[in-house]
Protein backbone atom coordinates (compact mmCIF):
# COMPACT_ATOMS: atom_id res chain seq x y z
CA UNK A 1 9.91 20.93 -63.83
CA UNK A 2 10.10 17.47 -62.68
CA UNK A 3 10.88 19.01 -59.20
CA UNK A 4 7.80 20.98 -59.08
CA UNK A 5 5.47 18.10 -59.97
CA UNK A 6 6.84 16.08 -57.26
CA UNK A 7 6.50 18.56 -54.96
CA UNK A 8 2.62 19.14 -56.15
CA UNK A 9 2.44 15.54 -56.02
CA UNK A 10 3.10 15.36 -52.57
CA UNK A 11 1.00 18.41 -51.48
CA UNK A 12 -1.76 16.99 -52.99
CA UNK A 13 -1.49 13.65 -51.38
CA UNK A 14 -1.01 15.30 -48.25
CA UNK A 15 -3.78 17.51 -48.47
CA UNK A 16 -5.73 14.52 -49.76
CA UNK A 17 -5.03 12.60 -46.32
CA UNK A 18 -5.65 15.13 -44.39
CA UNK A 19 -9.20 15.37 -46.07
CA UNK A 20 -9.90 12.00 -45.77
CA UNK A 21 -8.88 11.67 -41.86
CA UNK A 22 -11.11 14.77 -41.29
CA UNK A 23 -13.90 13.43 -43.13
CA UNK A 24 -13.58 9.44 -42.02
CA UNK A 25 -12.13 9.66 -38.49
CA UNK A 26 -12.76 6.12 -37.13
CA UNK A 27 -11.78 4.62 -40.50
CA UNK A 28 -8.32 6.54 -40.01
CA UNK A 29 -7.83 5.06 -36.56
CA UNK A 30 -8.61 1.61 -37.62
CA UNK A 31 -6.09 1.94 -40.34
CA UNK A 32 -3.09 3.45 -38.02
CA UNK A 33 -4.10 0.31 -35.56
CA UNK A 34 -4.05 -2.05 -38.61
CA UNK A 35 -0.97 -0.57 -39.72
CA UNK A 36 1.26 -1.11 -36.13
CA UNK A 37 -0.49 -4.49 -35.89
CA UNK A 38 0.95 -5.45 -39.49
CA UNK A 39 4.29 -3.97 -38.30
CA UNK A 40 4.46 -5.90 -35.18
CA UNK A 41 3.25 -9.32 -36.75
CA UNK A 42 6.63 -8.78 -39.21
CA UNK A 43 8.50 -8.22 -36.40
CA UNK A 44 7.35 -11.37 -34.54
CA UNK A 45 10.11 -13.53 -33.44
CA UNK A 46 10.36 -16.55 -35.55
CA UNK A 47 9.99 -20.49 -33.72
CA UNK A 48 7.61 -19.11 -31.05
CA UNK A 49 5.34 -21.90 -29.33
CA UNK A 50 2.46 -22.61 -31.67
CA UNK A 51 -1.17 -21.01 -30.44
CA UNK A 52 -4.12 -19.20 -32.12
CA UNK A 53 -3.40 -16.68 -35.05
CA UNK A 54 -3.11 -12.93 -33.64
CA UNK A 55 -5.76 -10.89 -35.38
CA UNK A 56 -5.70 -7.09 -35.16
CA UNK A 57 -7.02 -5.29 -31.72
CA UNK A 58 -7.64 -8.74 -29.73
CA UNK A 59 -4.71 -10.47 -30.79
CA UNK A 60 -5.42 -14.18 -30.00
CA UNK A 61 -8.31 -13.74 -27.15
CA UNK A 62 -10.74 -14.65 -30.13
CA UNK A 63 -9.72 -18.36 -29.07
CA UNK A 64 -10.74 -18.51 -25.28
CA UNK A 65 -14.38 -17.52 -26.78
CA UNK A 66 -14.28 -20.35 -29.52
CA UNK A 67 -12.96 -22.85 -26.93
CA UNK A 68 -13.68 -21.59 -24.01
CA UNK A 69 -10.68 -22.13 -21.61
CA UNK A 70 -7.20 -22.98 -21.48
CA UNK A 71 -7.30 -26.49 -21.15
CA UNK A 72 -9.29 -26.75 -24.53
CA UNK A 73 -6.39 -24.88 -26.08
CA UNK A 74 -4.04 -27.10 -24.54
CA UNK A 75 -5.46 -30.01 -26.14
CA UNK A 76 -5.06 -28.28 -29.52
CA UNK A 77 -1.53 -26.77 -29.37
CA UNK A 78 0.32 -28.89 -26.25
CA UNK A 79 1.64 -28.31 -23.07
CA UNK A 80 3.33 -25.09 -24.30
CA UNK A 81 1.96 -22.53 -26.24
CA UNK A 82 1.51 -18.56 -27.12
CA UNK A 83 -0.93 -16.46 -27.31
CA UNK A 84 -1.12 -12.51 -27.73
CA UNK A 85 -3.24 -10.47 -25.50
CA UNK A 86 -3.91 -7.65 -27.23
CA UNK A 87 -0.42 -7.15 -28.29
CA UNK A 88 1.34 -8.78 -25.49
CA UNK A 89 3.00 -11.78 -26.12
CA UNK A 90 1.86 -14.30 -22.78
CA UNK A 91 3.62 -17.86 -23.15
CA UNK A 92 1.08 -20.73 -21.16
CA UNK A 93 2.75 -23.55 -19.82
CA UNK A 94 0.94 -26.84 -18.52
CA UNK A 95 2.08 -29.82 -16.38
CA UNK A 96 3.94 -29.94 -12.80
CA UNK A 97 7.45 -30.88 -14.54
CA UNK A 98 7.05 -27.68 -16.91
CA UNK A 99 5.90 -25.20 -13.90
CA UNK A 100 8.66 -26.46 -11.54
CA UNK A 101 11.38 -26.09 -14.77
CA UNK A 102 10.54 -22.65 -15.09
CA UNK A 103 9.39 -21.75 -11.66
CA UNK A 104 12.28 -23.27 -9.72
CA UNK A 105 15.01 -25.06 -11.72
CA UNK A 106 15.52 -22.08 -14.43
CA UNK A 107 15.50 -19.32 -12.22
CA UNK A 108 18.30 -17.50 -13.94
CA UNK A 109 16.13 -17.46 -17.00
CA UNK A 110 12.70 -17.04 -15.52
CA UNK A 111 12.07 -14.35 -12.73
CA UNK A 112 8.61 -14.16 -10.85
CA UNK A 113 6.01 -11.13 -12.20
CA UNK A 114 5.31 -8.01 -10.98
CA UNK A 115 4.57 -7.85 -7.36
CA UNK A 116 4.04 -4.11 -7.36
CA UNK A 117 0.54 -4.44 -8.38
CA UNK A 118 -0.85 -0.79 -7.89
CA UNK A 119 2.33 1.48 -9.07
CA UNK A 120 2.74 -0.19 -12.23
CA UNK A 121 6.55 0.94 -11.99
CA UNK A 122 9.91 -1.30 -11.13
CA UNK A 123 10.81 0.83 -8.16
CA UNK A 124 9.81 -1.92 -5.35
CA UNK A 125 12.25 -3.60 -3.35
CA UNK A 126 10.62 -6.27 -4.05
CA UNK A 127 10.66 -6.31 -8.01
CA UNK A 128 10.01 -9.41 -9.36
CA UNK A 129 13.40 -9.62 -11.62
CA UNK A 130 15.63 -10.00 -8.63
CA UNK A 131 14.54 -13.44 -7.19
CA UNK A 132 17.52 -13.46 -4.62
CA UNK A 133 16.69 -10.06 -3.28
CA UNK A 134 13.10 -11.39 -2.50
CA UNK A 135 14.57 -14.78 -1.18
CA UNK A 136 16.93 -12.56 1.21
CA UNK A 137 13.73 -10.20 2.51
CA UNK A 138 11.95 -13.47 3.59
CA UNK A 139 14.75 -14.74 5.38
CA UNK A 140 14.76 -11.18 7.13
CA UNK A 141 11.23 -11.13 7.85
CA UNK A 142 10.43 -14.83 9.00
CA UNK A 143 11.79 -14.06 12.65
CA UNK A 144 9.18 -10.92 12.47
CA UNK A 145 6.42 -13.42 11.85
CA UNK A 146 7.41 -15.51 14.39
CA UNK A 147 7.80 -12.88 17.24
CA UNK A 148 4.42 -10.62 16.51
CA UNK A 149 2.29 -13.02 14.11
CA UNK A 150 2.55 -16.42 15.29
CA UNK A 151 2.32 -15.76 19.12
CA UNK A 152 -0.81 -13.37 18.98
CA UNK A 153 -2.34 -15.13 15.89
CA UNK A 154 -4.67 -17.72 18.03
CA UNK A 155 -5.68 -15.09 20.61
CA UNK A 156 -6.42 -12.28 17.81
CA UNK A 157 -8.57 -14.73 15.71
CA UNK A 158 -10.56 -15.81 18.75
CA UNK A 159 -11.49 -11.95 19.66
CA UNK A 160 -12.52 -11.51 15.96
CA UNK A 161 -14.84 -14.16 15.62
CA UNK A 162 -16.49 -13.45 19.01
CA UNK A 163 -17.51 -10.47 17.39
CA UNK A 164 -18.44 -12.22 14.35
CA UNK A 165 -20.59 -14.83 15.74
CA UNK A 166 -22.57 -11.62 17.36
CA UNK A 167 -22.98 -10.40 14.09
CA UNK A 168 -24.20 -13.30 12.38
CA UNK A 169 -26.95 -13.67 15.39
CA UNK A 170 -27.85 -10.23 15.36
CA UNK A 171 -28.64 -10.31 11.38
CA UNK A 172 -31.40 -12.53 11.41
CA UNK A 173 -28.90 -15.19 10.29
CA UNK A 174 -28.76 -14.55 6.92
CA UNK A 175 -26.28 -12.79 4.58
CA UNK A 176 -23.53 -12.77 2.07
CA UNK A 177 -20.60 -13.55 4.08
CA UNK A 178 -18.10 -11.88 1.95
CA UNK A 179 -18.22 -8.31 3.31
CA UNK A 180 -18.17 -9.73 7.28
CA UNK A 181 -15.39 -12.13 6.45
CA UNK A 182 -13.09 -9.22 4.71
CA UNK A 183 -13.97 -7.15 7.69
CA UNK A 184 -13.23 -9.88 10.10
CA UNK A 185 -9.71 -10.48 8.35
CA UNK A 186 -9.03 -6.79 8.32
CA UNK A 187 -9.61 -6.49 11.96
CA UNK A 188 -6.79 -9.37 12.42
CA UNK A 189 -4.63 -7.76 9.99
CA UNK A 190 -4.52 -4.86 11.69
CA UNK A 191 -4.13 -5.80 15.22
CA UNK A 192 -1.36 -8.37 14.29
CA UNK A 193 0.44 -5.95 12.06
CA UNK A 194 -0.17 -2.54 13.60
CA UNK A 195 -0.93 -3.26 16.96
CA UNK A 196 -4.55 -1.45 16.45
CA UNK A 197 -7.72 -2.99 18.08
CA UNK A 198 -10.71 -1.83 16.13
CA UNK A 199 -14.39 -2.84 15.67
CA UNK A 200 -15.73 -4.59 12.66
CA UNK A 201 -17.54 -1.36 12.10
CA UNK A 202 -14.68 1.04 12.66
CA UNK A 203 -14.71 3.92 10.00
CA UNK A 204 -10.74 3.42 9.20
CA UNK A 205 -11.13 -0.60 9.39
CA UNK A 206 -13.89 -0.31 6.61
CA UNK A 207 -11.86 2.21 4.69
CA UNK A 208 -8.61 -0.08 4.65
CA UNK A 209 -11.00 -3.12 3.24
CA UNK A 210 -12.90 -1.50 1.15
CA UNK A 211 -9.81 0.11 -0.82
CA UNK A 212 -8.09 -3.14 -0.89
CA UNK A 213 -11.15 -4.49 -2.43
CA UNK A 214 -11.47 -1.55 -4.92
CA UNK A 215 -7.79 -1.80 -5.61
CA UNK A 216 -7.97 -5.62 -6.84
CA UNK A 217 -11.42 -4.81 -9.18
CA UNK A 218 -9.25 -1.86 -10.52
CA UNK A 219 -6.29 -3.87 -11.03
CA UNK A 220 -8.12 -6.78 -12.44
CA UNK A 221 -9.63 -4.44 -15.09
CA UNK A 222 -6.53 -3.46 -16.26
CA UNK A 223 -5.06 -6.88 -16.72
CA UNK A 224 -8.12 -8.29 -18.18
CA UNK A 225 -8.47 -5.38 -20.91
CA UNK A 226 -7.06 -6.99 -23.76
CA UNK A 227 -6.61 -3.30 -25.68
CA UNK A 228 -4.30 -1.82 -23.32
CA UNK A 229 -0.91 -3.51 -24.77
CA UNK A 230 -2.20 -2.55 -28.45
CA UNK A 231 -3.33 0.84 -28.68
CA UNK A 232 -0.64 3.67 -29.11
CA UNK A 233 -0.54 5.93 -25.62
CA UNK A 234 -2.91 3.39 -23.76
CA UNK A 235 -2.33 5.69 -21.31
CA UNK A 236 -4.69 8.47 -22.81
CA UNK A 237 -6.81 6.10 -24.37
CA UNK A 238 -7.71 3.98 -21.48
CA UNK A 239 -6.69 6.68 -18.85
CA UNK A 240 -9.10 5.53 -16.18
CA UNK A 241 -7.81 1.68 -16.54
CA UNK A 242 -4.43 3.20 -15.64
CA UNK A 243 -5.19 5.89 -13.27
CA UNK A 244 -7.75 3.97 -10.88
CA UNK A 245 -5.14 1.22 -9.72
CA UNK A 246 -2.43 4.04 -9.31
CA UNK A 247 -5.19 6.37 -7.13
CA UNK A 248 -5.96 3.36 -4.74
CA UNK A 249 -2.32 2.51 -4.44
CA UNK A 250 -1.47 5.96 -3.23
CA UNK A 251 -4.77 5.95 -1.05
CA UNK A 252 -3.08 2.57 0.29
CA UNK A 253 0.06 3.68 0.68
CA UNK A 254 -1.20 6.77 2.50
CA UNK A 255 -2.99 4.82 5.02
CA UNK A 256 0.27 3.00 6.12
CA UNK A 257 2.23 6.26 5.15
CA UNK A 258 0.90 7.91 8.08
CA UNK A 259 1.43 5.16 10.43
CA UNK A 260 5.05 5.02 9.44
CA UNK A 261 5.64 8.52 10.15
CA UNK A 262 4.08 8.31 13.91
CA UNK A 263 6.62 5.54 14.66
CA UNK A 264 9.52 7.39 13.34
CA UNK A 265 8.65 10.66 15.45
CA UNK A 266 7.16 9.00 18.54
CA UNK A 267 8.19 5.21 19.05
CA UNK A 268 11.64 4.11 20.39
CA UNK A 269 13.78 3.11 17.61
CA UNK A 270 15.50 0.14 18.93
CA UNK A 271 12.82 -1.46 20.68
CA UNK A 272 10.01 -1.99 18.03
CA UNK A 273 6.27 -1.95 19.36
CA UNK A 274 4.96 -3.82 16.49
CA UNK A 275 5.32 -5.33 13.27
CA UNK A 276 5.37 -2.14 10.88
CA UNK A 277 7.91 -0.87 13.39
CA UNK A 278 10.47 -3.74 13.23
CA UNK A 279 10.31 -3.49 9.43
CA UNK A 280 10.98 -0.23 9.12
CA UNK A 281 14.04 -0.58 11.57
CA UNK A 282 15.02 -3.85 9.67
CA UNK A 283 15.01 -1.83 6.35
CA UNK A 284 16.57 1.15 7.63
CA UNK A 285 18.56 1.74 4.39
CA UNK A 286 15.58 1.53 2.37
CA UNK A 287 12.82 4.40 1.49
CA UNK A 288 9.73 4.72 3.41
CA UNK A 289 7.89 3.69 -0.12
CA UNK A 290 10.02 0.50 -0.22
CA UNK A 291 8.92 -0.57 3.02
CA UNK A 292 5.37 0.26 2.67
CA UNK A 293 5.64 -1.73 -0.52
CA UNK A 294 6.56 -4.78 1.29
CA UNK A 295 4.16 -4.48 3.87
CA UNK A 296 1.23 -3.83 1.44
CA UNK A 297 2.02 -7.23 -0.10
CA UNK A 298 1.64 -9.00 3.02
CA UNK A 299 -1.43 -7.00 4.05
CA UNK A 300 -2.95 -7.89 1.09
CA UNK A 301 -2.22 -11.35 1.31
CA UNK A 302 -3.51 -11.65 4.81
CA UNK A 303 -7.27 -9.93 4.03
CA UNK A 304 -7.99 -10.03 0.09
CA UNK A 305 -6.45 -13.01 -0.70
CA UNK A 306 -7.53 -15.47 2.37
CA UNK A 307 -10.89 -14.11 2.48
CA UNK A 308 -11.88 -15.50 -1.22
CA UNK A 309 -10.54 -18.83 0.02
CA UNK A 310 -12.53 -18.92 2.94
CA UNK A 311 -15.27 -17.54 1.15
CA UNK A 312 -15.11 -20.24 -1.53
CA UNK A 313 -15.03 -22.97 1.49
CA UNK A 314 -18.13 -21.82 2.80
CA UNK A 315 -19.78 -21.93 -0.44
CA UNK A 316 -18.64 -25.89 -0.94
CA UNK A 317 -19.74 -26.84 2.49
CA UNK A 318 -22.97 -25.53 1.94
CA UNK A 319 -23.46 -27.04 -0.67
CA UNK A 320 -22.38 -29.93 0.70
CA UNK A 321 -24.66 -30.65 3.70
CA UNK A 322 -23.45 -34.53 4.52
CA UNK A 323 -20.03 -33.18 4.54
CA UNK A 324 -20.88 -30.52 6.75
CA UNK A 325 -22.48 -32.82 9.00
CA UNK A 326 -19.34 -34.89 9.20
CA UNK A 327 -17.36 -31.78 10.23
CA UNK A 328 -20.19 -30.99 12.93
CA UNK A 329 -20.00 -34.70 13.94
CA UNK A 330 -16.07 -34.36 14.44
CA UNK A 331 -16.23 -31.34 16.24
CA UNK A 332 -18.59 -32.42 19.10
CA UNK A 333 -16.56 -35.65 19.67
CA UNK A 334 -13.23 -33.71 19.59
CA UNK A 335 -14.10 -30.74 21.74
CA UNK A 336 -17.59 -31.20 23.56
CA UNK A 337 -19.07 -28.07 24.01
CA UNK A 338 -15.73 -26.04 23.71
CA UNK A 339 -14.97 -23.79 20.86
CA UNK A 340 -11.98 -25.66 18.89
CA UNK A 341 -8.71 -24.35 19.29
CA UNK A 342 -5.10 -25.16 17.65
CA UNK A 343 -4.29 -28.09 20.33
CA UNK A 344 -7.74 -29.64 18.32
CA UNK A 345 -5.89 -28.98 14.92
CA UNK A 346 -4.78 -32.29 13.89
CA UNK A 347 -8.06 -33.91 15.27
CA UNK A 348 -9.87 -31.65 13.09
CA UNK A 349 -7.80 -31.99 10.11
CA UNK A 350 -10.89 -32.41 7.73
CA UNK A 351 -11.45 -28.38 8.10
CA UNK A 352 -8.28 -27.80 7.20
CA UNK A 353 -8.65 -29.95 4.27
CA UNK A 354 -11.57 -28.52 3.29
CA UNK A 355 -10.17 -25.35 2.70
CA UNK A 356 -7.38 -26.69 0.76
CA UNK A 357 -9.61 -28.73 -1.50
CA UNK A 358 -11.55 -25.53 -2.20
CA UNK A 359 -7.74 -23.68 -3.33
CA UNK A 360 -7.18 -26.96 -5.28
CA UNK A 361 -10.51 -26.73 -7.21
CA UNK A 362 -10.85 -23.20 -7.46
CA UNK A 363 -7.39 -22.03 -8.40
CA UNK A 364 -7.06 -19.12 -6.07
CA UNK A 365 -3.95 -18.51 -4.57
CA UNK A 366 -1.77 -18.94 -7.71
CA UNK A 367 -4.09 -17.69 -10.59
CA UNK A 368 -2.88 -14.43 -11.17
CA UNK A 369 1.04 -15.30 -10.83
CA UNK A 370 3.07 -14.65 -13.89
CA UNK A 371 6.99 -14.96 -14.63
CA UNK A 372 8.75 -13.32 -17.20
CA UNK A 373 11.80 -14.06 -19.05
CA UNK A 374 15.03 -12.43 -17.77
CA UNK A 375 16.76 -13.03 -21.49
CA UNK A 376 16.18 -14.88 -24.68
CA UNK A 377 15.68 -18.42 -23.82
CA UNK A 378 14.03 -21.28 -24.78
CA UNK A 379 11.63 -24.28 -23.31
CA UNK A 380 10.87 -27.22 -24.88
CA UNK A 381 12.77 -26.38 -28.06
CA UNK A 382 10.78 -23.43 -28.90
CA UNK A 383 12.03 -19.77 -28.44
CA UNK A 384 11.13 -17.44 -25.69
CA UNK A 385 12.05 -13.70 -26.37
CA UNK A 386 13.28 -11.69 -23.60
CA UNK A 387 10.79 -10.03 -21.19
CA UNK A 388 8.12 -12.80 -22.31
CA UNK A 389 5.25 -13.45 -20.02
CA UNK A 390 5.04 -16.78 -18.64
CA UNK A 391 1.87 -18.00 -17.27
CA UNK A 392 1.92 -21.48 -15.42
CA UNK A 393 -1.71 -22.83 -15.52
CA UNK A 394 -2.02 -24.44 -12.16
CA UNK A 395 -5.12 -26.33 -12.98
CA UNK A 396 -3.43 -28.49 -15.53
CA UNK A 397 -1.94 -30.02 -12.46
CA UNK A 398 -4.92 -29.79 -9.84
CA UNK A 399 -7.58 -30.94 -12.66
CA UNK A 400 -5.39 -33.50 -13.93
CA UNK A 401 -7.00 -37.25 -13.67
CA UNK A 402 -3.42 -38.70 -13.08
CA UNK A 403 -2.67 -36.77 -10.27
CA UNK A 404 -6.16 -36.34 -8.82
CA UNK A 405 -8.90 -38.94 -8.94
CA UNK A 406 -12.52 -37.33 -9.88
CA UNK A 407 -10.72 -33.95 -9.93
CA UNK A 408 -13.64 -31.93 -10.59
CA UNK A 409 -15.06 -32.92 -7.50
CA UNK A 410 -15.23 -31.34 -4.06
CA UNK A 411 -13.35 -34.20 -1.86
CA UNK A 412 -11.69 -32.87 1.12
CA UNK A 413 -10.88 -36.50 2.54
CA UNK A 414 -8.03 -36.38 -0.48
CA UNK A 415 -5.83 -34.60 1.41
CA UNK A 416 -6.30 -37.18 4.48
CA UNK A 417 -4.78 -40.21 5.55
CA UNK A 418 -6.21 -43.21 6.47
CA UNK A 419 -5.90 -41.90 10.20
CA UNK A 420 -7.26 -38.64 9.29
CA UNK A 421 -4.36 -37.01 8.98
CA UNK A 422 -3.21 -34.14 6.77
CA UNK A 423 -1.00 -35.35 3.97
CA UNK A 424 1.46 -33.34 2.11
CA UNK A 425 0.90 -33.27 -1.69
CA UNK A 426 3.85 -32.38 -4.05
CA UNK A 427 1.11 -32.13 -6.55
CA UNK A 428 -0.71 -28.95 -4.40
CA UNK A 429 0.53 -26.06 -5.80
CA UNK A 430 -1.71 -23.55 -4.30
CA UNK A 431 0.80 -21.70 -2.33
CA UNK A 432 3.57 -21.76 -5.06
CA UNK A 433 7.01 -23.56 -5.71
CA UNK A 434 10.83 -22.60 -4.67
CA UNK A 435 12.02 -19.29 -3.55
CA UNK A 436 8.94 -17.50 -4.52
CA UNK A 437 6.51 -19.83 -2.20
CA UNK A 438 4.39 -17.87 0.08
CA UNK A 439 5.89 -16.82 2.93
CA UNK A 440 2.75 -16.77 4.78
CA UNK A 441 1.49 -20.25 4.21
CA UNK A 442 1.32 -21.68 7.66
CA UNK A 443 -0.55 -18.43 8.70
CA UNK A 444 -2.79 -18.92 5.95
CA UNK A 445 -3.54 -22.40 7.10
CA UNK A 446 -3.75 -21.79 10.57
CA UNK A 447 -5.98 -18.92 10.22
CA UNK A 448 -8.48 -20.22 7.86
CA UNK A 449 -8.59 -23.32 10.17
CA UNK A 450 -9.20 -20.86 13.41
CA UNK A 451 -12.15 -18.88 11.41
CA UNK A 452 -13.74 -22.01 9.84
CA UNK A 453 -13.54 -24.15 12.97
CA UNK A 454 -15.36 -21.42 15.34
CA UNK A 455 -18.13 -21.09 12.12
CA UNK A 456 -18.66 -24.68 11.79
CA UNK A 457 -18.77 -25.25 15.72
CA UNK A 458 -21.40 -22.40 15.94
CA UNK A 459 -23.29 -22.45 12.99
CA UNK A 460 -25.11 -24.92 10.39
CA UNK A 461 -24.64 -23.32 6.90
CA UNK A 462 -27.32 -23.73 4.27
CA UNK A 463 -28.23 -21.41 1.63
CA UNK A 464 -30.97 -19.03 1.78
CA UNK A 465 -33.16 -20.23 -1.23
CA UNK A 466 -32.10 -21.71 -4.38
CA UNK A 467 -28.29 -22.72 -4.69
CA UNK A 468 -26.17 -20.44 -6.54
CA UNK A 469 -23.76 -20.97 -9.54
CA UNK A 470 -20.48 -22.63 -8.42
CA UNK A 471 -18.86 -20.65 -11.69
CA UNK A 472 -16.37 -18.42 -11.30
CA UNK A 473 -16.10 -14.88 -12.08
CA UNK A 474 -13.28 -14.74 -14.54
CA UNK A 475 -12.92 -10.95 -14.57
CA UNK A 476 -10.26 -11.08 -11.44
CA UNK A 477 -6.89 -11.49 -10.60
CA UNK A 478 -8.31 -13.89 -8.56
CA UNK A 479 -11.44 -16.09 -9.32
CA UNK A 480 -14.04 -15.48 -7.02
CA UNK A 481 -17.30 -16.72 -6.56
CA UNK A 482 -20.69 -14.86 -7.64
CA UNK A 483 -22.86 -13.35 -4.63
CA UNK A 484 -24.77 -15.97 -2.29
CA UNK A 485 -26.21 -15.91 0.89
CA UNK A 486 -25.78 -18.19 3.63
CA UNK A 487 -28.30 -18.61 6.40
CA UNK A 488 -26.56 -19.47 9.69
CA UNK A 489 -28.46 -21.40 12.27
CA UNK A 490 -26.98 -21.69 15.59
CA UNK A 491 -26.08 -25.31 17.02
CA UNK A 492 -25.47 -24.30 20.40
């Protein structure tokens, strides 16, 4: 009798539950998600770094809206604090000493973040969990840079900038330079890496440039969605956020896969004719996909990342006409009526300093770099669980008054000695630290110098109308400026 009664109660409770779900689906979903959140909170490790309380659905991201930025959260919680982004635990670290400890001194405890952005898998040769492997890959690739990139860089950039200057004079001298800069860098990359010389308006060139930009945008939407790691079956609920980066990643891979196949079929396998061909031969034991993954990382850095740095520099120089006039005077004294080249680099160090100062002030190249704990470990006495994301807040160094005087002001001269030469600063972290330091740092700096020196030799840059905002668009893996238009007035 008691058994039958129990069965009846169970069937009634199940029936009632089903009816409630049918009548109140939204409340049912909220209840289920709250239950998942409660279980996760009960399982939360002890002695984590302090941080804002994690709420259902949004984690601790409410604190960013309340406090405005990470620096203010640092003032409340200290140099190490934790925050849940949805259900993903992220440890934020501040100060050069802590960043160096995690990124350099304790490589056995912390690995670099996932570099395989658009696949969201762990099959890449450069997967971050193996820092030693990446170090070996860099040592193998460096000779290829010297052979195929360094010797041709200046000639290629000069050829590209001739076309850029023509476009600027043909376009009533007023435009948003964003797309043109990206076209120029794509043209340079195709020539250097693939030995393909294409016009700025070429379909294939613009297909590649647009795909990289869209991929970065899609990846940013994925990264900055606070719910994506919390909701059950996120690949279903946020299908578009998952699918879009993968689709664009496949499109990028296909672009380079077609070129790799041609080199496998028709090219001499002992005498490579370009960087991609040489990379294919160098990693002959790797799969095509792994070779292309390495290649895509190099291409993205040489197109998208540099373009944002140059764009910020143009914006900052247009805002500072006095500094721009100083650079014009410097160029005219150093080169006369000749466009600057690499032999003038030391004499025109202020141009490179202007680029470095834009990187420092706008937190560009290191903005999206995460590390992860390889095992359970501790940091400053706090417990860090295995596979926890660790984010270095580089602006805690770059905007520190103890490191840089008047840190929120754009002052390129801080990178120059009294003799006008570039100073190496250990506190400048935009190109990274340790074994994960940017492999193409010198290429980036040379390329930026050549592009900016040509623009400043040829044009005066000022805004068409009112000055734009210098606030960042923070919904991006790399902070980008809001759209702006520049009037390029010929100086010659």
